[in-house]
Amino acid sequence: MSRRTVFVLSDATGETAEKVVRAALLQFADVPVSLRLYPRVRNEVEMREIVLRSREAGALIVFTLVNADAREQLWRICQEESVEPVDIIGSLMTRLSGYLEARPSGVPGLLHAVSDEYFRRVDAVDFTVKNDDGAEPRNLPRADLVLVGVSRTSKTPLSMYLAQKGYKVANVPLVVGLDPPPELFGLPQHRIFALTIQIEALVKIRQVRLKHLGLPPDTGYGMRQHIAAEIASANELYRKHPEWPVLDVTNRAIEETASDILRLLGERSGATTA
């Protein structure tokens, strides 16, 4: 599959738009994508140059421009050059303006002056993206919570959802025949949450995944016997660590499971400091 390109254009630092795009791209992990960030774009000359580059590269433009005139200007240029842009913040501000019966100030960069909470969430998303799927075991001690489970038990979407709430999340895949990283067992164990799923549900999920990848359905990854062995191996690990809550994600919304995790984390954190 050929590499795709996304241009992220902003009249401020562009960090917000970049984080949103990267979070969305996690749902398309098998598609190679390059991101190009264009911050502090505030005049027509810069906009037109970027739009022309986008057209030549066949890139998608995603933008955050808080100034209404600048947004209209970019839309006009894109229309002239037959480039389709995606406006992350404009439609939201229009709806808020109507609902609040007030006009937005249109001053770029105000978002970064909101509060420490904003920066905490940005840091959490950045940490979570970099520590997805067991990527950096050495960072596990820095995580607010760690999710463990076999492949396709919602570890990544759960991690990103919790990161948006300001939690630094790492997740560790469990693979038959491979020991989890030793760093996992040196953590405060109240931070670790185990995920499980019913066998039949996981078979269906993995079969869909194999079809999407163009692989045969009798690949071991999607076979019931192989999946049963994976789940049995994970359950054996969970039995050895009864301090890890086990959450069944079968047919559950991400929001439901995340709510349970945060409730348990609060209860367990309080117990460890009592």
C-alpha atoms as a PDB file:
ATOM      1  CA  MET A   1       0.000   0.000   0.000  1.00  0.00           C
ATOM      2  CA  SER A   2       1.402   3.402  -0.980  1.00  0.00           C
ATOM      3  CA  ARG A   3       2.246   5.904   1.731  1.00  0.00           C
ATOM      4  CA  ARG A   4      -0.350   8.637   2.278  1.00  0.00           C
ATOM      5  CA  THR A   5       0.365  12.156   3.501  1.00  0.00           C
ATOM      6  CA  VAL A   6      -1.568  14.429   5.854  1.00  0.00           C
ATOM      7  CA  PHE A   7      -0.753  18.137   6.127  1.00  0.00           C
ATOM      8  CA  VAL A   8      -1.611  19.634   9.535  1.00  0.00           C
ATOM      9  CA  LEU A   9      -2.042  23.394   9.281  1.00  0.00           C
ATOM     10  CA  SER A  10      -2.544  25.735  12.241  1.00  0.00           C
ATOM     11  CA  ASP A  11      -2.385  29.416  13.137  1.00  0.00           C
ATOM     12  CA  ALA A  12      -0.807  28.451  16.505  1.00  0.00           C
ATOM     13  CA  THR A  13       1.620  25.668  17.396  1.00  0.00           C
ATOM     14  CA  GLY A  14      -0.438  22.960  15.711  1.00  0.00           C
ATOM     15  CA  GLU A  15       0.023  20.581  18.647  1.00  0.00           C
ATOM     16  CA  THR A  16      -3.696  20.137  19.223  1.00  0.00           C
ATOM     17  CA  ALA A  17      -4.436  19.294  15.597  1.00  0.00           C
ATOM     18  CA  GLU A  18      -1.436  16.985  15.404  1.00  0.00           C
ATOM     19  CA  LYS A  19      -2.505  15.060  18.519  1.00  0.00           C
ATOM     20  CA  VAL A  20      -6.046  14.666  17.191  1.00  0.00           C
ATOM     21  CA  VAL A  21      -4.797  13.386  13.842  1.00  0.00           C
ATOM     22  CA  ARG A  22      -2.314  10.978  15.436  1.00  0.00           C
ATOM     23  CA  ALA A  23      -5.015   9.638  17.744  1.00  0.00           C
ATOM     24  CA  ALA A  24      -7.325   9.073  14.755  1.00  0.00           C
ATOM     25  CA  LEU A  25      -4.540   7.413  12.748  1.00  0.00           C
ATOM     26  CA  LEU A  26      -4.171   4.750  15.438  1.00  0.00           C
ATOM     27  CA  GLN A  27      -7.362   3.265  13.994  1.00  0.00           C
ATOM     28  CA  PHE A  28      -5.564   2.822  10.647  1.00  0.00           C
ATOM     29  CA  ALA A  29      -2.367   1.221  11.898  1.00  0.00           C
ATOM     30  CA  ASP A  30      -1.809  -0.785   8.704  1.00  0.00           C
ATOM     31  CA  VAL A  31      -1.805   2.248   6.402  1.00  0.00           C
ATOM     32  CA  PRO A  32       1.563   4.043   6.118  1.00  0.00           C
ATOM     33  CA  VAL A  33       1.024   7.760   6.679  1.00  0.00           C
ATOM     34  CA  SER A  34       3.398  10.722   6.814  1.00  0.00           C
ATOM     35  CA  LEU A  35       2.446  13.803   8.852  1.00  0.00           C
ATOM     36  CA  ARG A  36       3.693  17.274   7.957  1.00  0.00           C
ATOM     37  CA  LEU A  37       3.058  20.072  10.441  1.00  0.00           C
ATOM     38  CA  TYR A  38       2.723  23.705   9.330  1.00  0.00           C
ATOM     39  CA  PRO A  39       2.386  25.908  12.457  1.00  0.00           C
ATOM     40  CA  ARG A  40       1.653  29.641  12.735  1.00  0.00           C
ATOM     41  CA  VAL A  41       0.170  29.988   9.267  1.00  0.00           C
ATOM     42  CA  ARG A  42      -1.593  33.353   9.244  1.00  0.00           C
ATOM     43  CA  ASN A  43      -1.493  34.891   5.761  1.00  0.00           C
ATOM     44  CA  GLU A  44      -2.790  34.071   2.304  1.00  0.00           C
ATOM     45  CA  VAL A  45       0.631  33.580   0.721  1.00  0.00           C
ATOM     46  CA  GLU A  46       1.559  30.848   3.204  1.00  0.00           C
ATOM     47  CA  MET A  47      -1.841  29.209   2.869  1.00  0.00           C
ATOM     48  CA  ARG A  48      -1.703  29.088  -0.908  1.00  0.00           C
ATOM     49  CA  GLU A  49       1.818  27.660  -0.897  1.00  0.00           C
ATOM     50  CA  ILE A  50       0.781  24.858   1.475  1.00  0.00           C
ATOM     51  CA  VAL A  51      -2.391  24.111  -0.496  1.00  0.00           C
ATOM     52  CA  LEU A  52      -0.387  23.851  -3.725  1.00  0.00           C
ATOM     53  CA  ARG A  53       2.062  21.475  -2.035  1.00  0.00           C
ATOM     54  CA  SER A  54      -0.880  19.440  -0.815  1.00  0.00           C
ATOM     55  CA  ARG A  55      -2.336  19.187  -4.314  1.00  0.00           C
ATOM     56  CA  GLU A  56       0.996  18.110  -5.771  1.00  0.00           C
ATOM     57  CA  ALA A  57       1.521  15.492  -3.044  1.00  0.00           C
ATOM     58  CA  GLY A  58      -2.088  14.276  -3.098  1.00  0.00           C
ATOM     59  CA  ALA A  59      -2.202  15.056   0.620  1.00  0.00           C
ATOM     60  CA  LEU A  60      -5.150  15.611   2.927  1.00  0.00           C
ATOM     61  CA  ILE A  61      -5.195  18.995   4.690  1.00  0.00           C
ATOM     62  CA  VAL A  62      -6.368  19.047   8.311  1.00  0.00           C
ATOM     63  CA  PHE A  63      -6.444  22.490   9.900  1.00  0.00           C
ATOM     64  CA  THR A  64      -7.214  24.505  13.024  1.00  0.00           C
ATOM     65  CA  LEU A  65      -7.692  28.204  12.342  1.00  0.00           C
ATOM     66  CA  VAL A  66      -9.546  30.107  15.057  1.00  0.00           C
ATOM     67  CA  ASN A  67      -9.900  33.311  13.042  1.00  0.00           C
ATOM     68  CA  ALA A  68     -13.059  33.182  10.930  1.00  0.00           C
ATOM     69  CA  ASP A  69     -11.585  35.295   8.111  1.00  0.00           C
ATOM     70  CA  ALA A  70      -8.554  33.022   7.921  1.00  0.00           C
ATOM     71  CA  ARG A  71     -10.791  29.943   7.743  1.00  0.00           C
ATOM     72  CA  GLU A  72     -12.832  31.439   4.924  1.00  0.00           C
ATOM     73  CA  GLN A  73      -9.632  32.380   3.131  1.00  0.00           C
ATOM     74  CA  LEU A  74      -8.277  28.845   3.358  1.00  0.00           C
ATOM     75  CA  TRP A  75     -11.561  27.329   2.225  1.00  0.00           C
ATOM     76  CA  ARG A  76     -11.570  29.647  -0.802  1.00  0.00           C
ATOM     77  CA  ILE A  77      -7.998  28.744  -1.753  1.00  0.00           C
ATOM     78  CA  CYS A  78      -8.728  25.030  -1.373  1.00  0.00           C
ATOM     79  CA  GLN A  79     -11.805  25.373  -3.535  1.00  0.00           C
ATOM     80  CA  GLU A  80      -9.810  27.186  -6.205  1.00  0.00           C
ATOM     81  CA  GLU A  81      -7.146  24.466  -6.211  1.00  0.00           C
ATOM     82  CA  SER A  82      -9.618  21.542  -5.906  1.00  0.00           C
ATOM     83  CA  VAL A  83      -8.201  20.428  -2.560  1.00  0.00           C
ATOM     84  CA  GLU A  84     -10.498  18.996   0.138  1.00  0.00           C
ATOM     85  CA  PRO A  85      -9.649  20.282   3.666  1.00  0.00           C
ATOM     86  CA  VAL A  86     -10.847  19.076   7.082  1.00  0.00           C
ATOM     87  CA  ASP A  87     -11.708  21.768   9.627  1.00  0.00           C
ATOM     88  CA  ILE A  88     -11.185  20.462  13.179  1.00  0.00           C
ATOM     89  CA  ILE A  89     -12.216  23.494  15.212  1.00  0.00           C
ATOM     90  CA  GLY A  90     -14.289  25.760  12.953  1.00  0.00           C
ATOM     91  CA  SER A  91     -17.588  23.879  13.027  1.00  0.00           C
ATOM     92  CA  LEU A  92     -17.337  23.447  16.801  1.00  0.00           C
ATOM     93  CA  MET A  93     -16.782  27.184  17.329  1.00  0.00           C
ATOM     94  CA  THR A  94     -19.709  28.018  15.066  1.00  0.00           C
ATOM     95  CA  ARG A  95     -22.024  25.776  17.065  1.00  0.00           C
ATOM     96  CA  LEU A  96     -20.675  27.106  20.378  1.00  0.00           C
ATOM     97  CA  SER A  97     -21.133  30.666  19.173  1.00  0.00           C
ATOM     98  CA  GLY A  98     -24.798  30.004  18.468  1.00  0.00           C
ATOM     99  CA  TYR A  99     -25.367  28.093  21.681  1.00  0.00           C
ATOM    100  CA  LEU A 100     -23.559  30.626  23.887  1.00  0.00           C
ATOM    101  CA  GLU A 101     -24.939  33.601  21.948  1.00  0.00           C
ATOM    102  CA  ALA A 102     -21.449  35.102  21.841  1.00  0.00           C
ATOM    103  CA  ARG A 103     -18.742  35.691  19.274  1.00  0.00           C
ATOM    104  CA  PRO A 104     -15.385  33.898  19.609  1.00  0.00           C
ATOM    105  CA  SER A 105     -12.389  36.186  20.047  1.00  0.00           C
ATOM    106  CA  GLY A 106     -10.571  34.611  17.098  1.00  0.00           C
ATOM    107  CA  VAL A 107      -7.170  35.055  18.744  1.00  0.00           C
ATOM    108  CA  PRO A 108      -4.728  32.241  17.822  1.00  0.00           C
ATOM    109  CA  GLY A 109      -2.897  30.431  20.599  1.00  0.00           C
ATOM    110  CA  LEU A 110      -5.367  31.060  23.421  1.00  0.00           C
ATOM    111  CA  LEU A 111      -5.845  27.330  23.885  1.00  0.00           C
ATOM    112  CA  HIS A 112      -2.293  26.994  25.135  1.00  0.00           C
ATOM    113  CA  ALA A 113      -2.931  29.540  27.859  1.00  0.00           C
ATOM    114  CA  VAL A 114      -5.958  27.764  29.290  1.00  0.00           C
ATOM    115  CA  SER A 115      -4.510  25.825  32.197  1.00  0.00           C
ATOM    116  CA  ASP A 116      -2.106  23.167  33.343  1.00  0.00           C
ATOM    117  CA  GLU A 117      -4.875  20.651  32.642  1.00  0.00           C
ATOM    118  CA  TYR A 118      -4.446  21.138  28.898  1.00  0.00           C
ATOM    119  CA  PHE A 119      -0.730  20.418  29.044  1.00  0.00           C
ATOM    120  CA  ARG A 120      -1.321  17.405  31.287  1.00  0.00           C
ATOM    121  CA  ARG A 121      -3.623  15.891  28.682  1.00  0.00           C
ATOM    122  CA  VAL A 122      -1.241  16.643  25.837  1.00  0.00           C
ATOM    123  CA  ASP A 123       1.580  14.958  27.744  1.00  0.00           C
ATOM    124  CA  ALA A 124      -0.672  11.988  28.493  1.00  0.00           C
ATOM    125  CA  VAL A 125      -1.604  11.504  24.834  1.00  0.00           C
ATOM    126  CA  ASP A 126       2.022  11.824  23.756  1.00  0.00           C
ATOM    127  CA  PHE A 127       3.144   9.272  26.363  1.00  0.00           C
ATOM    128  CA  THR A 128       0.356   6.865  25.440  1.00  0.00           C
ATOM    129  CA  VAL A 129       1.055   7.009  21.704  1.00  0.00           C
ATOM    130  CA  LYS A 130       4.742   6.294  22.297  1.00  0.00           C
ATOM    131  CA  ASN A 131       4.041   3.415  24.684  1.00  0.00           C
ATOM    132  CA  ASP A 132       1.375   1.581  22.720  1.00  0.00           C
ATOM    133  CA  ASP A 133       1.568  -2.203  22.260  1.00  0.00           C
ATOM    134  CA  GLY A 134       4.573  -2.727  24.537  1.00  0.00           C
ATOM    135  CA  ALA A 135       6.763  -0.337  22.564  1.00  0.00           C
ATOM    136  CA  GLU A 136       8.873   0.994  25.460  1.00  0.00           C
ATOM    137  CA  PRO A 137       8.881  -1.333  28.518  1.00  0.00           C
ATOM    138  CA  ARG A 138      11.418   0.922  30.255  1.00  0.00           C
ATOM    139  CA  ASN A 139       8.692   3.592  30.452  1.00  0.00           C
ATOM    140  CA  LEU A 140       6.204   1.387  32.319  1.00  0.00           C
ATOM    141  CA  PRO A 141       7.144   2.867  35.747  1.00  0.00           C
ATOM    142  CA  ARG A 142       6.096   6.293  34.438  1.00  0.00           C
ATOM    143  CA  ALA A 143       2.585   5.144  33.481  1.00  0.00           C
ATOM    144  CA  ASP A 144      -0.437   6.073  35.580  1.00  0.00           C
ATOM    145  CA  LEU A 145      -1.948   2.743  34.605  1.00  0.00           C
ATOM    146  CA  VAL A 146      -1.005  -0.261  32.479  1.00  0.00           C
ATOM    147  CA  LEU A 147      -3.339  -2.481  30.442  1.00  0.00           C
ATOM    148  CA  VAL A 148      -2.418  -6.093  29.643  1.00  0.00           C
ATOM    149  CA  GLY A 149      -4.200  -8.512  27.347  1.00  0.00           C
ATOM    150  CA  VAL A 150      -3.986 -10.618  24.208  1.00  0.00           C
ATOM    151  CA  SER A 151      -4.233  -9.036  20.773  1.00  0.00           C
ATOM    152  CA  ARG A 152      -7.544  -7.292  19.912  1.00  0.00           C
ATOM    153  CA  THR A 153      -8.840  -6.837  23.447  1.00  0.00           C
ATOM    154  CA  SER A 154      -9.261  -3.074  22.948  1.00  0.00           C
ATOM    155  CA  LYS A 155      -5.958  -2.144  24.590  1.00  0.00           C
ATOM    156  CA  THR A 156      -5.103   0.667  22.152  1.00  0.00           C
ATOM    157  CA  PRO A 157      -8.520   2.388  21.913  1.00  0.00           C
ATOM    158  CA  LEU A 158      -8.924   2.111  25.690  1.00  0.00           C
ATOM    159  CA  SER A 159      -5.468   3.604  26.197  1.00  0.00           C
ATOM    160  CA  MET A 160      -6.217   6.551  23.910  1.00  0.00           C
ATOM    161  CA  TYR A 161      -9.594   7.190  25.522  1.00  0.00           C
ATOM    162  CA  LEU A 162      -8.015   7.285  28.979  1.00  0.00           C
ATOM    163  CA  ALA A 163      -5.155   9.451  27.709  1.00  0.00           C
ATOM    164  CA  GLN A 164      -7.668  12.040  26.540  1.00  0.00           C
ATOM    165  CA  LYS A 165      -8.748  12.237  30.178  1.00  0.00           C
ATOM    166  CA  GLY A 166      -5.188  12.998  31.246  1.00  0.00           C
ATOM    167  CA  TYR A 167      -3.869   9.547  32.210  1.00  0.00           C
ATOM    168  CA  LYS A 168      -0.523   8.293  30.957  1.00  0.00           C
ATOM    169  CA  VAL A 169      -1.323   4.784  29.788  1.00  0.00           C
ATOM    170  CA  ALA A 170       0.931   1.978  28.591  1.00  0.00           C
ATOM    171  CA  ASN A 171      -0.323  -1.334  27.293  1.00  0.00           C
ATOM    172  CA  VAL A 172       1.438  -4.683  27.107  1.00  0.00           C
ATOM    173  CA  PRO A 173       0.434  -7.437  24.651  1.00  0.00           C
ATOM    174  CA  LEU A 174       0.393 -10.998  25.973  1.00  0.00           C
ATOM    175  CA  VAL A 175       1.828 -13.533  23.537  1.00  0.00           C
ATOM    176  CA  VAL A 176       1.971 -17.296  24.086  1.00  0.00           C
ATOM    177  CA  GLY A 177       5.542 -18.406  24.684  1.00  0.00           C
ATOM    178  CA  LEU A 178       6.834 -14.907  25.435  1.00  0.00           C
ATOM    179  CA  ASP A 179       7.226 -13.612  28.981  1.00  0.00           C
ATOM    180  CA  PRO A 180       5.903 -10.108  29.692  1.00  0.00           C
ATOM    181  CA  PRO A 181       8.646  -7.513  30.232  1.00  0.00           C
ATOM    182  CA  PRO A 182      10.162  -7.756  33.734  1.00  0.00           C
ATOM    183  CA  GLU A 183       9.407  -4.064  34.298  1.00  0.00           C
ATOM    184  CA  LEU A 184       5.715  -4.991  34.514  1.00  0.00           C
ATOM    185  CA  PHE A 185       6.205  -6.901  37.750  1.00  0.00           C
ATOM    186  CA  GLY A 186       8.233  -4.148  39.389  1.00  0.00           C
ATOM    187  CA  LEU A 187       5.389  -1.629  39.176  1.00  0.00           C
ATOM    188  CA  PRO A 188       2.980  -0.753  41.960  1.00  0.00           C
ATOM    189  CA  GLN A 189       0.531  -3.520  41.131  1.00  0.00           C
ATOM    190  CA  HIS A 190      -2.563  -1.395  41.743  1.00  0.00           C
ATOM    191  CA  ARG A 191      -1.811   0.345  38.424  1.00  0.00           C
ATOM    192  CA  ILE A 192      -2.180  -2.842  36.341  1.00  0.00           C
ATOM    193  CA  PHE A 193      -5.473  -3.900  34.744  1.00  0.00           C
ATOM    194  CA  ALA A 194      -6.007  -7.168  32.877  1.00  0.00           C
ATOM    195  CA  LEU A 195      -8.319  -7.405  29.872  1.00  0.00           C
ATOM    196  CA  THR A 196     -10.052 -10.549  28.682  1.00  0.00           C
ATOM    197  CA  ILE A 197     -12.692 -11.445  26.089  1.00  0.00           C
ATOM    198  CA  GLN A 198     -14.912 -14.415  25.247  1.00  0.00           C
ATOM    199  CA  ILE A 199     -13.366 -16.789  22.733  1.00  0.00           C
ATOM    200  CA  GLU A 200     -16.149 -16.645  20.133  1.00  0.00           C
ATOM    201  CA  ALA A 201     -16.157 -12.851  20.150  1.00  0.00           C
ATOM    202  CA  LEU A 202     -12.389 -12.736  19.638  1.00  0.00           C
ATOM    203  CA  VAL A 203     -12.567 -15.268  16.802  1.00  0.00           C
ATOM    204  CA  LYS A 204     -15.025 -13.011  14.962  1.00  0.00           C
ATOM    205  CA  ILE A 205     -12.917  -9.897  15.560  1.00  0.00           C
ATOM    206  CA  ARG A 206      -9.729 -11.551  14.324  1.00  0.00           C
ATOM    207  CA  GLN A 207     -11.414 -13.097  11.286  1.00  0.00           C
ATOM    208  CA  VAL A 208     -12.560  -9.624  10.260  1.00  0.00           C
ATOM    209  CA  ARG A 209      -9.031  -8.375  10.824  1.00  0.00           C
ATOM    210  CA  LEU A 210      -7.547 -11.114   8.636  1.00  0.00           C
ATOM    211  CA  LYS A 211     -10.048 -10.346   5.875  1.00  0.00           C
ATOM    212  CA  HIS A 212      -9.120  -6.676   6.053  1.00  0.00           C
ATOM    213  CA  LEU A 213      -5.436  -7.586   5.712  1.00  0.00           C
ATOM    214  CA  GLY A 214      -6.147  -9.921   2.812  1.00  0.00           C
ATOM    215  CA  LEU A 215      -4.934 -12.977   4.728  1.00  0.00           C
ATOM    216  CA  PRO A 216      -6.543 -16.448   4.674  1.00  0.00           C
ATOM    217  CA  PRO A 217      -9.061 -17.212   7.446  1.00  0.00           C
ATOM    218  CA  ASP A 218      -7.165 -20.360   8.466  1.00  0.00           C
ATOM    219  CA  THR A 219      -4.165 -18.295   9.596  1.00  0.00           C
ATOM    220  CA  GLY A 220      -3.258 -19.286  13.176  1.00  0.00           C
ATOM    221  CA  TYR A 221      -4.022 -15.764  14.430  1.00  0.00           C
ATOM    222  CA  GLY A 222      -7.704 -16.269  13.652  1.00  0.00           C
ATOM    223  CA  MET A 223      -8.118 -19.973  14.481  1.00  0.00           C
ATOM    224  CA  ARG A 224     -10.274 -20.864  17.471  1.00  0.00           C
ATOM    225  CA  GLN A 225      -7.788 -23.379  18.867  1.00  0.00           C
ATOM    226  CA  HIS A 226      -4.943 -20.873  18.752  1.00  0.00           C
ATOM    227  CA  ILE A 227      -7.069 -18.147  20.307  1.00  0.00           C
ATOM    228  CA  ALA A 228      -8.235 -20.480  23.075  1.00  0.00           C
ATOM    229  CA  ALA A 229      -4.590 -21.203  23.906  1.00  0.00           C
ATOM    230  CA  GLU A 230      -3.810 -17.476  24.041  1.00  0.00           C
ATOM    231  CA  ILE A 231      -6.707 -16.742  26.368  1.00  0.00           C
ATOM    232  CA  ALA A 232      -5.844 -19.738  28.580  1.00  0.00           C
ATOM    233  CA  SER A 233      -2.239 -18.540  28.827  1.00  0.00           C
ATOM    234  CA  ALA A 234      -3.378 -15.015  29.724  1.00  0.00           C
ATOM    235  CA  ASN A 235      -5.817 -16.344  32.333  1.00  0.00           C
ATOM    236  CA  GLU A 236      -3.042 -18.407  33.894  1.00  0.00           C
ATOM    237  CA  LEU A 237      -0.943 -15.246  34.245  1.00  0.00           C
ATOM    238  CA  TYR A 238      -3.925 -13.429  35.766  1.00  0.00           C
ATOM    239  CA  ARG A 239      -4.396 -16.212  38.340  1.00  0.00           C
ATOM    240  CA  LYS A 240      -0.775 -15.750  39.394  1.00  0.00           C
ATOM    241  CA  HIS A 241      -1.490 -12.056  39.954  1.00  0.00           C
ATOM    242  CA  PRO A 242      -4.857 -11.841  41.722  1.00  0.00           C
ATOM    243  CA  GLU A 243      -4.143  -8.199  42.534  1.00  0.00           C
ATOM    244  CA  TRP A 244      -4.822  -7.337  38.867  1.00  0.00           C
ATOM    245  CA  PRO A 245      -8.531  -6.682  38.245  1.00  0.00           C
ATOM    246  CA  VAL A 246      -9.735  -8.655  35.221  1.00  0.00           C
ATOM    247  CA  LEU A 247     -12.201  -6.832  32.974  1.00  0.00           C
ATOM    248  CA  ASP A 248     -14.170  -8.664  30.296  1.00  0.00           C
ATOM    249  CA  VAL A 249     -14.451  -6.376  27.249  1.00  0.00           C
ATOM    250  CA  THR A 250     -16.814  -8.665  25.294  1.00  0.00           C
ATOM    251  CA  ASN A 251     -19.465  -6.514  23.564  1.00  0.00           C
ATOM    252  CA  ARG A 252     -18.678  -3.591  25.867  1.00  0.00           C
ATOM    253  CA  ALA A 253     -18.244   0.028  24.806  1.00  0.00           C
ATOM    254  CA  ILE A 254     -14.834   1.569  25.394  1.00  0.00           C
ATOM    255  CA  GLU A 255     -16.456   4.175  27.647  1.00  0.00           C
ATOM    256  CA  GLU A 256     -17.943   1.500  29.912  1.00  0.00           C
ATOM    257  CA  THR A 257     -14.668  -0.332  30.425  1.00  0.00           C
ATOM    258  CA  ALA A 258     -12.772   2.933  30.913  1.00  0.00           C
ATOM    259  CA  SER A 259     -15.274   4.006  33.571  1.00  0.00           C
ATOM    260  CA  ASP A 260     -14.719   0.741  35.460  1.00  0.00           C
ATOM    261  CA  ILE A 261     -10.944   1.123  35.224  1.00  0.00           C
ATOM    262  CA  LEU A 262     -10.983   4.679  36.584  1.00  0.00           C
ATOM    263  CA  ARG A 263     -13.331   3.706  39.406  1.00  0.00           C
ATOM    264  CA  LEU A 264     -11.105   0.786  40.377  1.00  0.00           C
ATOM    265  CA  LEU A 265      -7.956   2.881  40.035  1.00  0.00           C
ATOM    266  CA  GLY A 266      -9.396   5.454  42.432  1.00  0.00           C
ATOM    267  CA  GLU A 267     -10.409   2.794  44.928  1.00  0.00           C
ATOM    268  CA  ARG A 268      -7.081   0.978  44.712  1.00  0.00           C
ATOM    269  CA  SER A 269      -4.976   4.155  44.851  1.00  0.00           C
ATOM    270  CA  GLY A 270      -6.862   5.227  47.962  1.00  0.00           C
ATOM    271  CA  ALA A 271      -6.284   1.837  49.555  1.00  0.00           C
ATOM    272  CA  THR A 272      -2.531   2.013  48.942  1.00  0.00           C
ATOM    273  CA  THR A 273      -2.233   5.402  50.619  1.00  0.00           C
ATOM    274  CA  ALA A 274      -4.533   4.687  53.561  1.00  0.00           C
END
